Amino acid sequence: MQISSPRFIHLFLNRIINIHHSFLPAFVGAKPYHAAYERGVKIIGVTAHYVTEELDAGPIIEQEVARVRHHNSVAELVQIGQDLEKLVLSTAGKHHLDRKVFAFRNKTVIFY
């Protein structure tokens, strides 16, 4: 987990993809699964987005969710989320490499 400099981000605008272990905009920051557990959510998610100067706020490329239950532990939420992260990052990367993502005003259009 690294925060890039504004200069670096502007040099590679809409070319750096971050995988965030939360269904943004919910639970930004470093420990979203812990926050989701504490809140008692029924769905957790993962978001792939382009990096901007504002942390975890760039144009969203791909998201996925999984249903969780009251008996799931934080460790189980993390494992479920890590499985989702692989799928979401690979899908976002494929869309980007296939030039199917159009970013405009902090939103994206995906051409399928």
PDB file of N, CA and C in Angstrom:
ATOM      1  N   MET A   1       0.849  -1.167   0.000  1.00  0.00           N
ATOM      2  CA  MET A   1       0.000   0.000   0.000  1.00  0.00           C
ATOM      3  C   MET A   1       0.898   1.234   0.000  1.00  0.00           C
ATOM      4  N   GLN A   2       0.768   2.012  -1.046  1.00  0.00           N
ATOM      5  CA  GLN A   2       1.593   3.197  -1.208  1.00  0.00           C
ATOM      6  C   GLN A   2       0.726   4.349  -1.688  1.00  0.00           C
ATOM      7  N   ILE A   3       1.120   5.548  -1.294  1.00  0.00           N
ATOM      8  CA  ILE A   3       0.478   6.747  -1.810  1.00  0.00           C
ATOM      9  C   ILE A   3       1.452   7.383  -2.779  1.00  0.00           C
ATOM     10  N   SER A   4       1.026   7.559  -4.004  1.00  0.00           N
ATOM     11  CA  SER A   4       1.878   8.124  -5.047  1.00  0.00           C
ATOM     12  C   SER A   4       1.833   9.643  -5.006  1.00  0.00           C
ATOM     13  N   SER A   5       2.890  10.248  -5.493  1.00  0.00           N
ATOM     14  CA  SER A   5       2.959  11.711  -5.519  1.00  0.00           C
ATOM     15  C   SER A   5       2.011  12.253  -6.582  1.00  0.00           C
ATOM     16  N   PRO A   6       1.507  13.471  -6.394  1.00  0.00           N
ATOM     17  CA  PRO A   6       0.638  14.083  -7.413  1.00  0.00           C
ATOM     18  C   PRO A   6       1.310  14.143  -8.784  1.00  0.00           C
ATOM     19  N   ARG A   7       2.585  14.430  -8.811  1.00  0.00           N
ATOM     20  CA  ARG A   7       3.307  14.507 -10.089  1.00  0.00           C
ATOM     21  C   ARG A   7       3.282  13.158 -10.801  1.00  0.00           C
ATOM     22  N   PHE A   8       3.562  12.092 -10.064  1.00  0.00           N
ATOM     23  CA  PHE A   8       3.552  10.749 -10.636  1.00  0.00           C
ATOM     24  C   PHE A   8       2.160  10.397 -11.151  1.00  0.00           C
ATOM     25  N   ILE A   9       1.149  10.701 -10.367  1.00  0.00           N
ATOM     26  CA  ILE A   9      -0.225  10.400 -10.764  1.00  0.00           C
ATOM     27  C   ILE A   9      -0.589  11.127 -12.052  1.00  0.00           C
ATOM     28  N   HIS A  10      -0.207  12.399 -12.156  1.00  0.00           N
ATOM     29  CA  HIS A  10      -0.547  13.156 -13.365  1.00  0.00           C
ATOM     30  C   HIS A  10       0.217  12.657 -14.589  1.00  0.00           C
ATOM     31  N   LEU A  11       1.422  12.145 -14.377  1.00  0.00           N
ATOM     32  CA  LEU A  11       2.184  11.581 -15.502  1.00  0.00           C
ATOM     33  C   LEU A  11       1.501  10.333 -16.065  1.00  0.00           C
ATOM     34  N   PHE A  12       0.816   9.609 -15.203  1.00  0.00           N
ATOM     35  CA  PHE A  12       0.186   8.353 -15.610  1.00  0.00           C
ATOM     36  C   PHE A  12      -1.323   8.357 -15.348  1.00  0.00           C
ATOM     37  N   LEU A  13      -1.946   9.487 -15.560  1.00  0.00           N
ATOM     38  CA  LEU A  13      -3.372   9.640 -15.297  1.00  0.00           C
ATOM     39  C   LEU A  13      -4.191   8.598 -16.054  1.00  0.00           C
ATOM     40  N   ASN A  14      -5.072   7.929 -15.343  1.00  0.00           N
ATOM     41  CA  ASN A  14      -5.928   6.869 -15.875  1.00  0.00           C
ATOM     42  C   ASN A  14      -5.144   5.702 -16.466  1.00  0.00           C
ATOM     43  N   ARG A  15      -3.949   5.495 -15.916  1.00  0.00           N
ATOM     44  CA  ARG A  15      -3.154   4.332 -16.319  1.00  0.00           C
ATOM     45  C   ARG A  15      -2.653   3.541 -15.117  1.00  0.00           C
ATOM     46  N   ILE A  16      -2.966   3.982 -13.909  1.00  0.00           N
ATOM     47  CA  ILE A  16      -2.606   3.263 -12.687  1.00  0.00           C
ATOM     48  C   ILE A  16      -3.900   2.741 -12.074  1.00  0.00           C
ATOM     49  N   ILE A  17      -3.982   1.429 -11.903  1.00  0.00           N
ATOM     50  CA  ILE A  17      -5.180   0.816 -11.336  1.00  0.00           C
ATOM     51  C   ILE A  17      -4.888   0.391  -9.901  1.00  0.00           C
ATOM     52  N   ASN A  18      -5.796   0.759  -9.017  1.00  0.00           N
ATOM     53  CA  ASN A  18      -5.721   0.334  -7.620  1.00  0.00           C
ATOM     54  C   ASN A  18      -6.842  -0.656  -7.351  1.00  0.00           C
ATOM     55  N   ILE A  19      -6.521  -1.699  -6.583  1.00  0.00           N
ATOM     56  CA  ILE A  19      -7.556  -2.608  -6.116  1.00  0.00           C
ATOM     57  C   ILE A  19      -7.816  -2.271  -4.660  1.00  0.00           C
ATOM     58  N   HIS A  20      -9.046  -1.924  -4.369  1.00  0.00           N
ATOM     59  CA  HIS A  20      -9.389  -1.567  -2.992  1.00  0.00           C
ATOM     60  C   HIS A  20     -10.308  -2.630  -2.417  1.00  0.00           C
ATOM     61  N   HIS A  21     -10.001  -3.082  -1.254  1.00  0.00           N
ATOM     62  CA  HIS A  21     -10.738  -4.170  -0.627  1.00  0.00           C
ATOM     63  C   HIS A  21     -11.986  -3.664   0.096  1.00  0.00           C
ATOM     64  N   SER A  22     -12.801  -2.962  -0.677  1.00  0.00           N
ATOM     65  CA  SER A  22     -14.093  -2.491  -0.199  1.00  0.00           C
ATOM     66  C   SER A  22     -14.938  -2.129  -1.409  1.00  0.00           C
ATOM     67  N   PHE A  23     -16.244  -2.169  -1.226  1.00  0.00           N
ATOM     68  CA  PHE A  23     -17.157  -1.721  -2.271  1.00  0.00           C
ATOM     69  C   PHE A  23     -17.287  -0.211  -2.114  1.00  0.00           C
ATOM     70  N   LEU A  24     -16.384   0.513  -2.782  1.00  0.00           N
ATOM     71  CA  LEU A  24     -16.346   1.967  -2.640  1.00  0.00           C
ATOM     72  C   LEU A  24     -17.657   2.584  -3.113  1.00  0.00           C
ATOM     73  N   PRO A  25     -18.098   3.636  -2.487  1.00  0.00           N
ATOM     74  CA  PRO A  25     -17.379   4.511  -1.574  1.00  0.00           C
ATOM     75  C   PRO A  25     -17.420   4.104  -0.106  1.00  0.00           C
ATOM     76  N   ALA A  26     -17.961   2.953   0.218  1.00  0.00           N
ATOM     77  CA  ALA A  26     -18.006   2.534   1.618  1.00  0.00           C
ATOM     78  C   ALA A  26     -16.641   2.045   2.100  1.00  0.00           C
ATOM     79  N   PHE A  27     -16.332   2.295   3.333  1.00  0.00           N
ATOM     80  CA  PHE A  27     -15.163   1.761   4.023  1.00  0.00           C
ATOM     81  C   PHE A  27     -13.836   2.050   3.316  1.00  0.00           C
ATOM     82  N   VAL A  28     -13.550   3.323   3.127  1.00  0.00           N
ATOM     83  CA  VAL A  28     -12.251   3.710   2.579  1.00  0.00           C
ATOM     84  C   VAL A  28     -11.192   3.498   3.659  1.00  0.00           C
ATOM     85  N   GLY A  29      -9.934   3.469   3.244  1.00  0.00           N
ATOM     86  CA  GLY A  29      -8.846   3.342   4.202  1.00  0.00           C
ATOM     87  C   GLY A  29      -8.277   1.942   4.259  1.00  0.00           C
ATOM     88  N   ALA A  30      -7.505   1.683   5.305  1.00  0.00           N
ATOM     89  CA  ALA A  30      -6.655   0.499   5.369  1.00  0.00           C
ATOM     90  C   ALA A  30      -7.333  -0.780   5.860  1.00  0.00           C
ATOM     91  N   LYS A  31      -8.382  -0.712   6.652  1.00  0.00           N
ATOM     92  CA  LYS A  31      -8.965  -1.934   7.216  1.00  0.00           C
ATOM     93  C   LYS A  31     -10.477  -2.014   6.987  1.00  0.00           C
ATOM     94  N   PRO A  32     -10.880  -2.053   5.731  1.00  0.00           N
ATOM     95  CA  PRO A  32     -12.315  -2.044   5.454  1.00  0.00           C
ATOM     96  C   PRO A  32     -13.041  -3.311   5.889  1.00  0.00           C
ATOM     97  N   TYR A  33     -12.378  -4.467   5.858  1.00  0.00           N
ATOM     98  CA  TYR A  33     -13.062  -5.689   6.285  1.00  0.00           C
ATOM     99  C   TYR A  33     -13.359  -5.647   7.776  1.00  0.00           C
ATOM    100  N   HIS A  34     -12.437  -5.077   8.538  1.00  0.00           N
ATOM    101  CA  HIS A  34     -12.668  -4.916   9.972  1.00  0.00           C
ATOM    102  C   HIS A  34     -13.851  -3.967  10.211  1.00  0.00           C
ATOM    103  N   ALA A  35     -13.878  -2.878   9.444  1.00  0.00           N
ATOM    104  CA  ALA A  35     -14.977  -1.920   9.578  1.00  0.00           C
ATOM    105  C   ALA A  35     -16.304  -2.545   9.156  1.00  0.00           C
ATOM    106  N   ALA A  36     -16.286  -3.344   8.100  1.00  0.00           N
ATOM    107  CA  ALA A  36     -17.501  -4.017   7.635  1.00  0.00           C
ATOM    108  C   ALA A  36     -17.998  -5.006   8.689  1.00  0.00           C
ATOM    109  N   TYR A  37     -17.072  -5.724   9.307  1.00  0.00           N
ATOM    110  CA  TYR A  37     -17.431  -6.674  10.360  1.00  0.00           C
ATOM    111  C   TYR A  37     -18.073  -5.944  11.536  1.00  0.00           C
ATOM    112  N   GLU A  38     -17.439  -4.848  11.958  1.00  0.00           N
ATOM    113  CA  GLU A  38     -17.960  -4.071  13.086  1.00  0.00           C
ATOM    114  C   GLU A  38     -19.344  -3.500  12.781  1.00  0.00           C
ATOM    115  N   ARG A  39     -19.570  -3.145  11.535  1.00  0.00           N
ATOM    116  CA  ARG A  39     -20.855  -2.553  11.122  1.00  0.00           C
ATOM    117  C   ARG A  39     -21.928  -3.615  10.916  1.00  0.00           C
ATOM    118  N   GLY A  40     -21.490  -4.868  10.749  1.00  0.00           N
ATOM    119  CA  GLY A  40     -22.454  -5.950  10.561  1.00  0.00           C
ATOM    120  C   GLY A  40     -23.060  -5.994   9.177  1.00  0.00           C
ATOM    121  N   VAL A  41     -22.292  -5.622   8.170  1.00  0.00           N
ATOM    122  CA  VAL A  41     -22.825  -5.609   6.804  1.00  0.00           C
ATOM    123  C   VAL A  41     -23.177  -7.019   6.346  1.00  0.00           C
ATOM    124  N   LYS A  42     -24.018  -7.106   5.380  1.00  0.00           N
ATOM    125  CA  LYS A  42     -24.442  -8.393   4.822  1.00  0.00           C
ATOM    126  C   LYS A  42     -23.786  -8.663   3.482  1.00  0.00           C
ATOM    127  N   ILE A  43     -23.151  -7.629   2.916  1.00  0.00           N
ATOM    128  CA  ILE A  43     -22.454  -7.750   1.640  1.00  0.00           C
ATOM    129  C   ILE A  43     -21.112  -7.038   1.768  1.00  0.00           C
ATOM    130  N   ILE A  44     -20.048  -7.704   1.335  1.00  0.00           N
ATOM    131  CA  ILE A  44     -18.759  -7.029   1.226  1.00  0.00           C
ATOM    132  C   ILE A  44     -18.401  -6.965  -0.249  1.00  0.00           C
ATOM    133  N   GLY A  45     -17.491  -6.088  -0.577  1.00  0.00           N
ATOM    134  CA  GLY A  45     -17.143  -5.947  -1.979  1.00  0.00           C
ATOM    135  C   GLY A  45     -15.727  -5.497  -2.191  1.00  0.00           C
ATOM    136  N   VAL A  46     -15.379  -5.402  -3.461  1.00  0.00           N
ATOM    137  CA  VAL A  46     -14.049  -5.014  -3.900  1.00  0.00           C
ATOM    138  C   VAL A  46     -14.215  -4.051  -5.077  1.00  0.00           C
ATOM    139  N   THR A  47     -13.309  -3.087  -5.173  1.00  0.00           N
ATOM    140  CA  THR A  47     -13.375  -2.082  -6.224  1.00  0.00           C
ATOM    141  C   THR A  47     -12.012  -1.923  -6.887  1.00  0.00           C
ATOM    142  N   ALA A  48     -11.987  -1.915  -8.210  1.00  0.00           N
ATOM    143  CA  ALA A  48     -10.794  -1.537  -8.967  1.00  0.00           C
ATOM    144  C   ALA A  48     -11.078  -0.166  -9.556  1.00  0.00           C
ATOM    145  N   HIS A  49     -10.156   0.755  -9.334  1.00  0.00           N
ATOM    146  CA  HIS A  49     -10.358   2.117  -9.833  1.00  0.00           C
ATOM    147  C   HIS A  49      -9.028   2.714 -10.258  1.00  0.00           C
ATOM    148  N   TYR A  50      -9.120   3.757 -11.081  1.00  0.00           N
ATOM    149  CA  TYR A  50      -7.916   4.490 -11.453  1.00  0.00           C
ATOM    150  C   TYR A  50      -7.473   5.344 -10.267  1.00  0.00           C
ATOM    151  N   VAL A  51      -6.181   5.462 -10.115  1.00  0.00           N
ATOM    152  CA  VAL A  51      -5.616   6.229  -9.006  1.00  0.00           C
ATOM    153  C   VAL A  51      -5.703   7.718  -9.309  1.00  0.00           C
ATOM    154  N   THR A  52      -6.152   8.472  -8.319  1.00  0.00           N
ATOM    155  CA  THR A  52      -6.161   9.935  -8.383  1.00  0.00           C
ATOM    156  C   THR A  52      -5.489  10.453  -7.119  1.00  0.00           C
ATOM    157  N   GLU A  53      -5.332  11.756  -7.051  1.00  0.00           N
ATOM    158  CA  GLU A  53      -4.720  12.354  -5.860  1.00  0.00           C
ATOM    159  C   GLU A  53      -5.556  12.098  -4.607  1.00  0.00           C
ATOM    160  N   GLU A  54      -6.863  12.018  -4.761  1.00  0.00           N
ATOM    161  CA  GLU A  54      -7.726  11.744  -3.625  1.00  0.00           C
ATOM    162  C   GLU A  54      -7.767  10.234  -3.381  1.00  0.00           C
ATOM    163  N   LEU A  55      -7.408   9.824  -2.191  1.00  0.00           N
ATOM    164  CA  LEU A  55      -7.288   8.418  -1.835  1.00  0.00           C
ATOM    165  C   LEU A  55      -8.615   7.670  -2.032  1.00  0.00           C
ATOM    166  N   ASP A  56      -8.542   6.569  -2.768  1.00  0.00           N
ATOM    167  CA  ASP A  56      -9.684   5.677  -2.999  1.00  0.00           C
ATOM    168  C   ASP A  56     -10.898   6.385  -3.605  1.00  0.00           C
ATOM    169  N   ALA A  57     -10.652   7.373  -4.464  1.00  0.00           N
ATOM    170  CA  ALA A  57     -11.757   8.153  -5.017  1.00  0.00           C
ATOM    171  C   ALA A  57     -11.719   8.271  -6.534  1.00  0.00           C
ATOM    172  N   GLY A  58     -10.849   7.505  -7.190  1.00  0.00           N
ATOM    173  CA  GLY A  58     -10.732   7.620  -8.640  1.00  0.00           C
ATOM    174  C   GLY A  58     -11.865   6.946  -9.380  1.00  0.00           C
ATOM    175  N   PRO A  59     -11.909   7.144 -10.698  1.00  0.00           N
ATOM    176  CA  PRO A  59     -12.965   6.549 -11.524  1.00  0.00           C
ATOM    177  C   PRO A  59     -12.994   5.024 -11.381  1.00  0.00           C
ATOM    178  N   ILE A  60     -14.152   4.488 -11.082  1.00  0.00           N
ATOM    179  CA  ILE A  60     -14.314   3.059 -10.831  1.00  0.00           C
ATOM    180  C   ILE A  60     -14.386   2.302 -12.152  1.00  0.00           C
ATOM    181  N   ILE A  61     -13.584   1.239 -12.227  1.00  0.00           N
ATOM    182  CA  ILE A  61     -13.547   0.404 -13.420  1.00  0.00           C
ATOM    183  C   ILE A  61     -14.393  -0.849 -13.248  1.00  0.00           C
ATOM    184  N   GLU A  62     -14.261  -1.480 -12.091  1.00  0.00           N
ATOM    185  CA  GLU A  62     -14.948  -2.757 -11.867  1.00  0.00           C
ATOM    186  C   GLU A  62     -15.215  -2.943 -10.381  1.00  0.00           C
ATOM    187  N   GLN A  63     -16.328  -3.572 -10.053  1.00  0.00           N
ATOM    188  CA  GLN A  63     -16.675  -3.892  -8.668  1.00  0.00           C
ATOM    189  C   GLN A  63     -17.343  -5.252  -8.621  1.00  0.00           C
ATOM    190  N   GLU A  64     -17.210  -5.899  -7.475  1.00  0.00           N
ATOM    191  CA  GLU A  64     -17.889  -7.177  -7.249  1.00  0.00           C
ATOM    192  C   GLU A  64     -18.221  -7.296  -5.774  1.00  0.00           C
ATOM    193  N   VAL A  65     -19.272  -8.037  -5.474  1.00  0.00           N
ATOM    194  CA  VAL A  65     -19.701  -8.214  -4.087  1.00  0.00           C
ATOM    195  C   VAL A  65     -19.894  -9.695  -3.781  1.00  0.00           C
ATOM    196  N   ALA A  66     -19.909  -9.985  -2.474  1.00  0.00           N
ATOM    197  CA  ALA A  66     -20.227 -11.327  -1.983  1.00  0.00           C
ATOM    198  C   ALA A  66     -21.067 -11.177  -0.729  1.00  0.00           C
ATOM    199  N   ARG A  67     -22.029 -12.040  -0.587  1.00  0.00           N
ATOM    200  CA  ARG A  67     -22.880 -12.034   0.601  1.00  0.00           C
ATOM    201  C   ARG A  67     -22.127 -12.689   1.750  1.00  0.00           C
ATOM    202  N   VAL A  68     -22.227 -12.078   2.928  1.00  0.00           N
ATOM    203  CA  VAL A  68     -21.630 -12.634   4.142  1.00  0.00           C
ATOM    204  C   VAL A  68     -22.715 -12.773   5.195  1.00  0.00           C
ATOM    205  N   ARG A  69     -22.427 -13.569   6.209  1.00  0.00           N
ATOM    206  CA  ARG A  69     -23.413 -13.859   7.241  1.00  0.00           C
ATOM    207  C   ARG A  69     -22.887 -13.409   8.597  1.00  0.00           C
ATOM    208  N   HIS A  70     -23.763 -13.359   9.565  1.00  0.00           N
ATOM    209  CA  HIS A  70     -23.406 -12.895  10.900  1.00  0.00           C
ATOM    210  C   HIS A  70     -22.335 -13.766  11.559  1.00  0.00           C
ATOM    211  N   HIS A  71     -22.228 -15.015  11.137  1.00  0.00           N
ATOM    212  CA  HIS A  71     -21.261 -15.920  11.771  1.00  0.00           C
ATOM    213  C   HIS A  71     -19.866 -15.848  11.154  1.00  0.00           C
ATOM    214  N   ASN A  72     -19.704 -15.103  10.039  1.00  0.00           N
ATOM    215  CA  ASN A  72     -18.383 -14.970   9.436  1.00  0.00           C
ATOM    216  C   ASN A  72     -17.467 -14.129  10.319  1.00  0.00           C
ATOM    217  N   SER A  73     -16.246 -14.588  10.488  1.00  0.00           N
ATOM    218  CA  SER A  73     -15.244 -13.839  11.260  1.00  0.00           C
ATOM    219  C   SER A  73     -14.567 -12.813  10.352  1.00  0.00           C
ATOM    220  N   VAL A  74     -13.779 -11.937  10.944  1.00  0.00           N
ATOM    221  CA  VAL A  74     -13.008 -10.973  10.153  1.00  0.00           C
ATOM    222  C   VAL A  74     -12.077 -11.723   9.207  1.00  0.00           C
ATOM    223  N   ALA A  75     -11.435 -12.771   9.694  1.00  0.00           N
ATOM    224  CA  ALA A  75     -10.524 -13.556   8.848  1.00  0.00           C
ATOM    225  C   ALA A  75     -11.259 -14.144   7.644  1.00  0.00           C
ATOM    226  N   GLU A  76     -12.486 -14.586   7.855  1.00  0.00           N
ATOM    227  CA  GLU A  76     -13.271 -15.116   6.738  1.00  0.00           C
ATOM    228  C   GLU A  76     -13.652 -14.013   5.756  1.00  0.00           C
ATOM    229  N   LEU A  77     -13.984 -12.834   6.271  1.00  0.00           N
ATOM    230  CA  LEU A  77     -14.284 -11.708   5.373  1.00  0.00           C
ATOM    231  C   LEU A  77     -13.057 -11.367   4.531  1.00  0.00           C
ATOM    232  N   VAL A  78     -11.889 -11.372   5.160  1.00  0.00           N
ATOM    233  CA  VAL A  78     -10.647 -11.080   4.435  1.00  0.00           C
ATOM    234  C   VAL A  78     -10.435 -12.117   3.336  1.00  0.00           C
ATOM    235  N   GLN A  79     -10.620 -13.391   3.632  1.00  0.00           N
ATOM    236  CA  GLN A  79     -10.428 -14.444   2.633  1.00  0.00           C
ATOM    237  C   GLN A  79     -11.418 -14.318   1.479  1.00  0.00           C
ATOM    238  N   ILE A  80     -12.660 -14.082   1.804  1.00  0.00           N
ATOM    239  CA  ILE A  80     -13.674 -13.885   0.757  1.00  0.00           C
ATOM    240  C   ILE A  80     -13.292 -12.690  -0.109  1.00  0.00           C
ATOM    241  N   GLY A  81     -12.877 -11.607   0.542  1.00  0.00           N
ATOM    242  CA  GLY A  81     -12.483 -10.406  -0.184  1.00  0.00           C
ATOM    243  C   GLY A  81     -11.265 -10.623  -1.063  1.00  0.00           C
ATOM    244  N   GLN A  82     -10.288 -11.360  -0.575  1.00  0.00           N
ATOM    245  CA  GLN A  82      -9.084 -11.612  -1.374  1.00  0.00           C
ATOM    246  C   GLN A  82      -9.407 -12.412  -2.622  1.00  0.00           C
ATOM    247  N   ASP A  83     -10.353 -13.330  -2.514  1.00  0.00           N
ATOM    248  CA  ASP A  83     -10.790 -14.072  -3.707  1.00  0.00           C
ATOM    249  C   ASP A  83     -11.446 -13.127  -4.714  1.00  0.00           C
ATOM    250  N   LEU A  84     -12.278 -12.217  -4.217  1.00  0.00           N
ATOM    251  CA  LEU A  84     -12.914 -11.228  -5.100  1.00  0.00           C
ATOM    252  C   LEU A  84     -11.885 -10.300  -5.733  1.00  0.00           C
ATOM    253  N   GLU A  85     -10.877  -9.901  -4.954  1.00  0.00           N
ATOM    254  CA  GLU A  85      -9.853  -8.982  -5.448  1.00  0.00           C
ATOM    255  C   GLU A  85      -9.183  -9.519  -6.710  1.00  0.00           C
ATOM    256  N   LYS A  86      -8.872 -10.792  -6.726  1.00  0.00           N
ATOM    257  CA  LYS A  86      -8.217 -11.396  -7.896  1.00  0.00           C
ATOM    258  C   LYS A  86      -9.092 -11.280  -9.142  1.00  0.00           C
ATOM    259  N   LEU A  87     -10.377 -11.567  -8.957  1.00  0.00           N
ATOM    260  CA  LEU A  87     -11.309 -11.494 -10.089  1.00  0.00           C
ATOM    261  C   LEU A  87     -11.481 -10.066 -10.594  1.00  0.00           C
ATOM    262  N   VAL A  88     -11.662  -9.143  -9.665  1.00  0.00           N
ATOM    263  CA  VAL A  88     -11.924  -7.750 -10.030  1.00  0.00           C
ATOM    264  C   VAL A  88     -10.700  -7.116 -10.681  1.00  0.00           C
ATOM    265  N   LEU A  89      -9.525  -7.352 -10.124  1.00  0.00           N
ATOM    266  CA  LEU A  89      -8.314  -6.768 -10.697  1.00  0.00           C
ATOM    267  C   LEU A  89      -8.045  -7.324 -12.091  1.00  0.00           C
ATOM    268  N   SER A  90      -8.238  -8.623 -12.272  1.00  0.00           N
ATOM    269  CA  SER A  90      -7.994  -9.190 -13.601  1.00  0.00           C
ATOM    270  C   SER A  90      -8.997  -8.665 -14.627  1.00  0.00           C
ATOM    271  N   THR A  91     -10.244  -8.503 -14.222  1.00  0.00           N
ATOM    272  CA  THR A  91     -11.258  -7.957 -15.138  1.00  0.00           C
ATOM    273  C   THR A  91     -10.959  -6.505 -15.477  1.00  0.00           C
ATOM    274  N   ALA A  92     -10.628  -5.708 -14.470  1.00  0.00           N
ATOM    275  CA  ALA A  92     -10.295  -4.296 -14.711  1.00  0.00           C
ATOM    276  C   ALA A  92      -9.067  -4.178 -15.604  1.00  0.00           C
ATOM    277  N   GLY A  93      -8.059  -4.987 -15.333  1.00  0.00           N
ATOM    278  CA  GLY A  93      -6.855  -4.965 -16.165  1.00  0.00           C
ATOM    279  C   GLY A  93      -7.152  -5.333 -17.602  1.00  0.00           C
ATOM    280  N   LYS A  94      -7.994  -6.330 -17.797  1.00  0.00           N
ATOM    281  CA  LYS A  94      -8.359  -6.737 -19.159  1.00  0.00           C
ATOM    282  C   LYS A  94      -9.109  -5.623 -19.878  1.00  0.00           C
ATOM    283  N   HIS A  95     -10.078  -5.019 -19.202  1.00  0.00           N
ATOM    284  CA  HIS A  95     -10.809  -3.904 -19.823  1.00  0.00           C
ATOM    285  C   HIS A  95      -9.853  -2.777 -20.209  1.00  0.00           C
ATOM    286  N   HIS A  96      -8.931  -2.459 -19.314  1.00  0.00           N
ATOM    287  CA  HIS A  96      -7.969  -1.375 -19.580  1.00  0.00           C
ATOM    288  C   HIS A  96      -7.072  -1.732 -20.768  1.00  0.00           C
ATOM    289  N   LEU A  97      -6.499  -2.928 -20.747  1.00  0.00           N
ATOM    290  CA  LEU A  97      -5.588  -3.334 -21.820  1.00  0.00           C
ATOM    291  C   LEU A  97      -6.294  -3.458 -23.166  1.00  0.00           C
ATOM    292  N   ASP A  98      -7.559  -3.835 -23.129  1.00  0.00           N
ATOM    293  CA  ASP A  98      -8.350  -3.934 -24.365  1.00  0.00           C
ATOM    294  C   ASP A  98      -8.888  -2.574 -24.812  1.00  0.00           C
ATOM    295  N   ARG A  99      -8.530  -1.522 -24.060  1.00  0.00           N
ATOM    296  CA  ARG A  99      -8.975  -0.154 -24.357  1.00  0.00           C
ATOM    297  C   ARG A  99     -10.502  -0.042 -24.399  1.00  0.00           C
ATOM    298  N   LYS A 100     -11.135  -0.668 -23.423  1.00  0.00           N
ATOM    299  CA  LYS A 100     -12.590  -0.637 -23.342  1.00  0.00           C
ATOM    300  C   LYS A 100     -13.088   0.272 -22.230  1.00  0.00           C
ATOM    301  N   VAL A 101     -12.166   1.027 -21.624  1.00  0.00           N
ATOM    302  CA  VAL A 101     -12.526   1.916 -20.521  1.00  0.00           C
ATOM    303  C   VAL A 101     -12.365   3.357 -20.976  1.00  0.00           C
ATOM    304  N   PHE A 102     -13.416   4.145 -20.809  1.00  0.00           N
ATOM    305  CA  PHE A 102     -13.360   5.567 -21.109  1.00  0.00           C
ATOM    306  C   PHE A 102     -13.634   6.319 -19.814  1.00  0.00           C
ATOM    307  N   ALA A 103     -12.634   7.040 -19.319  1.00  0.00           N
ATOM    308  CA  ALA A 103     -12.783   7.800 -18.075  1.00  0.00           C
ATOM    309  C   ALA A 103     -13.122   9.244 -18.402  1.00  0.00           C
ATOM    310  N   PHE A 104     -14.143   9.764 -17.693  1.00  0.00           N
ATOM    311  CA  PHE A 104     -14.564  11.142 -17.906  1.00  0.00           C
ATOM    312  C   PHE A 104     -15.215  11.652 -16.631  1.00  0.00           C
ATOM    313  N   ARG A 105     -14.707  12.776 -16.102  1.00  0.00           N
ATOM    314  CA  ARG A 105     -15.258  13.415 -14.899  1.00  0.00           C
ATOM    315  C   ARG A 105     -15.436  12.439 -13.736  1.00  0.00           C
ATOM    316  N   ASN A 106     -14.425  11.692 -13.439  1.00  0.00           N
ATOM    317  CA  ASN A 106     -14.373  10.759 -12.315  1.00  0.00           C
ATOM    318  C   ASN A 106     -15.370   9.608 -12.421  1.00  0.00           C
ATOM    319  N   LYS A 107     -15.808   9.339 -13.639  1.00  0.00           N
ATOM    320  CA  LYS A 107     -16.648   8.157 -13.910  1.00  0.00           C
ATOM    321  C   LYS A 107     -16.021   7.423 -15.072  1.00  0.00           C
ATOM    322  N   THR A 108     -16.457   6.200 -15.270  1.00  0.00           N
ATOM    323  CA  THR A 108     -15.994   5.461 -16.431  1.00  0.00           C
ATOM    324  C   THR A 108     -17.169   4.905 -17.209  1.00  0.00           C
ATOM    325  N   VAL A 109     -16.933   4.714 -18.483  1.00  0.00           N
ATOM    326  CA  VAL A 109     -17.846   3.971 -19.341  1.00  0.00           C
ATOM    327  C   VAL A 109     -17.044   2.765 -19.805  1.00  0.00           C
ATOM    328  N   ILE A 110     -17.614   1.581 -19.646  1.00  0.00           N
ATOM    329  CA  ILE A 110     -16.956   0.362 -20.073  1.00  0.00           C
ATOM    330  C   ILE A 110     -17.683  -0.137 -21.328  1.00  0.00           C
ATOM    331  N   PHE A 111     -16.932  -0.332 -22.385  1.00  0.00           N
ATOM    332  CA  PHE A 111     -17.492  -0.841 -23.644  1.00  0.00           C
ATOM    333  C   PHE A 111     -17.292  -2.338 -23.683  1.00  0.00           C
ATOM    334  N   TYR A 112     -18.379  -3.083 -23.577  1.00  0.00           N
ATOM    335  CA  TYR A 112     -18.308  -4.551 -23.561  1.00  0.00           C
ATOM    336  C   TYR A 112     -18.410  -5.114 -24.950  1.00  0.00           C
TER     337      TYR A 112
END
